[in-house]
Amino acid sequence: MMTAENSVRFLRIKELTQLIGMAKSTIYDRLDPKSKRYDPTFPVPIKLGAGVTVWASNEIEAWMKACMEAARGGVQQAINR
């Protein structure tokens, strides 16, 4: 049985930009190894068909949590010095 806690939604680019607060171009830069903004930890999109690209909500949420932990960990390390 699927519950709200373990359900996975597919996010289209418009919803993804709103959720993470990044522009569409920045998201695609994060995915491009040739870009200065490349982020190998950014979740890879899923191609569902011609012109349909989505991201798994659970992967995006895990990435967001990792970003927060990294940012807070850096602040905590500076405080502990």
Protein backbone atom coordinates (compact mmCIF):
# COMPACT_ATOMS: atom_id res chain seq x y z
CA MET A 1 0.00 0.00 0.00
CA MET A 2 1.37 3.43 -0.97
CA THR A 3 1.35 6.06 1.73
CA ALA A 4 2.16 9.75 1.50
CA GLU A 5 5.49 9.04 3.21
CA ASN A 6 6.82 6.66 0.55
CA SER A 7 5.00 7.80 -2.57
CA VAL A 8 6.99 9.16 -5.48
CA ARG A 9 5.66 11.88 -7.72
CA PHE A 10 7.02 12.92 -11.07
CA LEU A 11 7.87 16.62 -11.25
CA ARG A 12 7.86 18.47 -14.56
CA ILE A 13 10.30 21.33 -15.05
CA LYS A 14 7.85 24.07 -14.04
CA GLU A 15 7.08 22.42 -10.70
CA LEU A 16 10.76 21.61 -10.16
CA THR A 17 11.81 25.24 -10.68
CA GLN A 18 9.21 26.37 -8.15
CA LEU A 19 10.18 23.70 -5.63
CA ILE A 20 13.94 24.29 -5.61
CA GLY A 21 13.99 27.98 -6.53
CA MET A 22 16.29 27.62 -9.53
CA ALA A 23 15.73 28.77 -13.08
CA LYS A 24 15.29 26.18 -15.81
CA SER A 25 18.65 27.17 -17.34
CA THR A 26 20.42 26.68 -13.99
CA ILE A 27 18.90 23.23 -13.59
CA TYR A 28 20.14 22.17 -17.02
CA ASP A 29 23.56 23.71 -16.24
CA ARG A 30 23.70 21.51 -13.12
CA LEU A 31 23.24 18.50 -15.42
CA ASP A 32 25.84 19.56 -18.03
CA PRO A 33 29.39 18.32 -17.27
CA LYS A 34 30.79 21.13 -19.45
CA SER A 35 29.13 23.84 -17.34
CA LYS A 36 30.81 25.73 -14.49
CA ARG A 37 27.64 25.03 -12.49
CA TYR A 38 27.76 21.27 -13.06
CA ASP A 39 26.67 19.28 -10.00
CA PRO A 40 27.24 15.53 -10.29
CA THR A 41 24.93 15.00 -7.30
CA PHE A 42 21.94 16.65 -9.00
CA PRO A 43 19.26 14.06 -9.81
CA VAL A 44 19.18 12.92 -13.42
CA PRO A 45 15.86 13.47 -15.21
CA ILE A 46 13.71 10.65 -16.51
CA LYS A 47 12.62 10.73 -20.16
CA LEU A 48 9.05 9.45 -20.42
CA GLY A 49 8.61 10.08 -24.09
CA ALA A 50 8.92 12.68 -26.82
CA GLY A 51 9.28 16.01 -25.05
CA VAL A 52 8.32 14.67 -21.63
CA THR A 53 11.05 14.97 -19.00
CA VAL A 54 10.41 14.53 -15.29
CA TRP A 55 12.32 14.21 -12.03
CA ALA A 56 11.46 11.80 -9.20
CA SER A 57 10.29 13.77 -6.17
CA ASN A 58 12.09 11.49 -3.71
CA GLU A 59 15.42 12.03 -5.49
CA ILE A 60 14.93 15.81 -5.49
CA GLU A 61 14.02 15.79 -1.79
CA ALA A 62 17.11 13.72 -0.95
CA TRP A 63 19.30 16.13 -2.95
CA MET A 64 17.76 19.12 -1.16
CA LYS A 65 18.38 17.52 2.25
CA ALA A 66 22.01 16.78 1.30
CA CYS A 67 22.46 20.43 0.24
CA MET A 68 21.06 21.64 3.55
CA GLU A 69 23.24 19.26 5.55
CA ALA A 70 26.34 20.32 3.62
CA ALA A 71 25.54 24.00 4.15
CA ARG A 72 24.78 23.56 7.83
CA GLY A 73 27.75 21.28 8.33
CA GLY A 74 30.03 23.96 6.90
CA VAL A 75 28.56 26.55 9.27
CA GLN A 76 28.85 24.15 12.22
CA GLN A 77 32.50 23.40 11.41
CA ALA A 78 33.28 27.14 11.35
CA ILE A 79 31.58 27.57 14.75
CA ASN A 80 33.53 24.66 16.28
CA ARG A 81 36.94 26.11 15.32
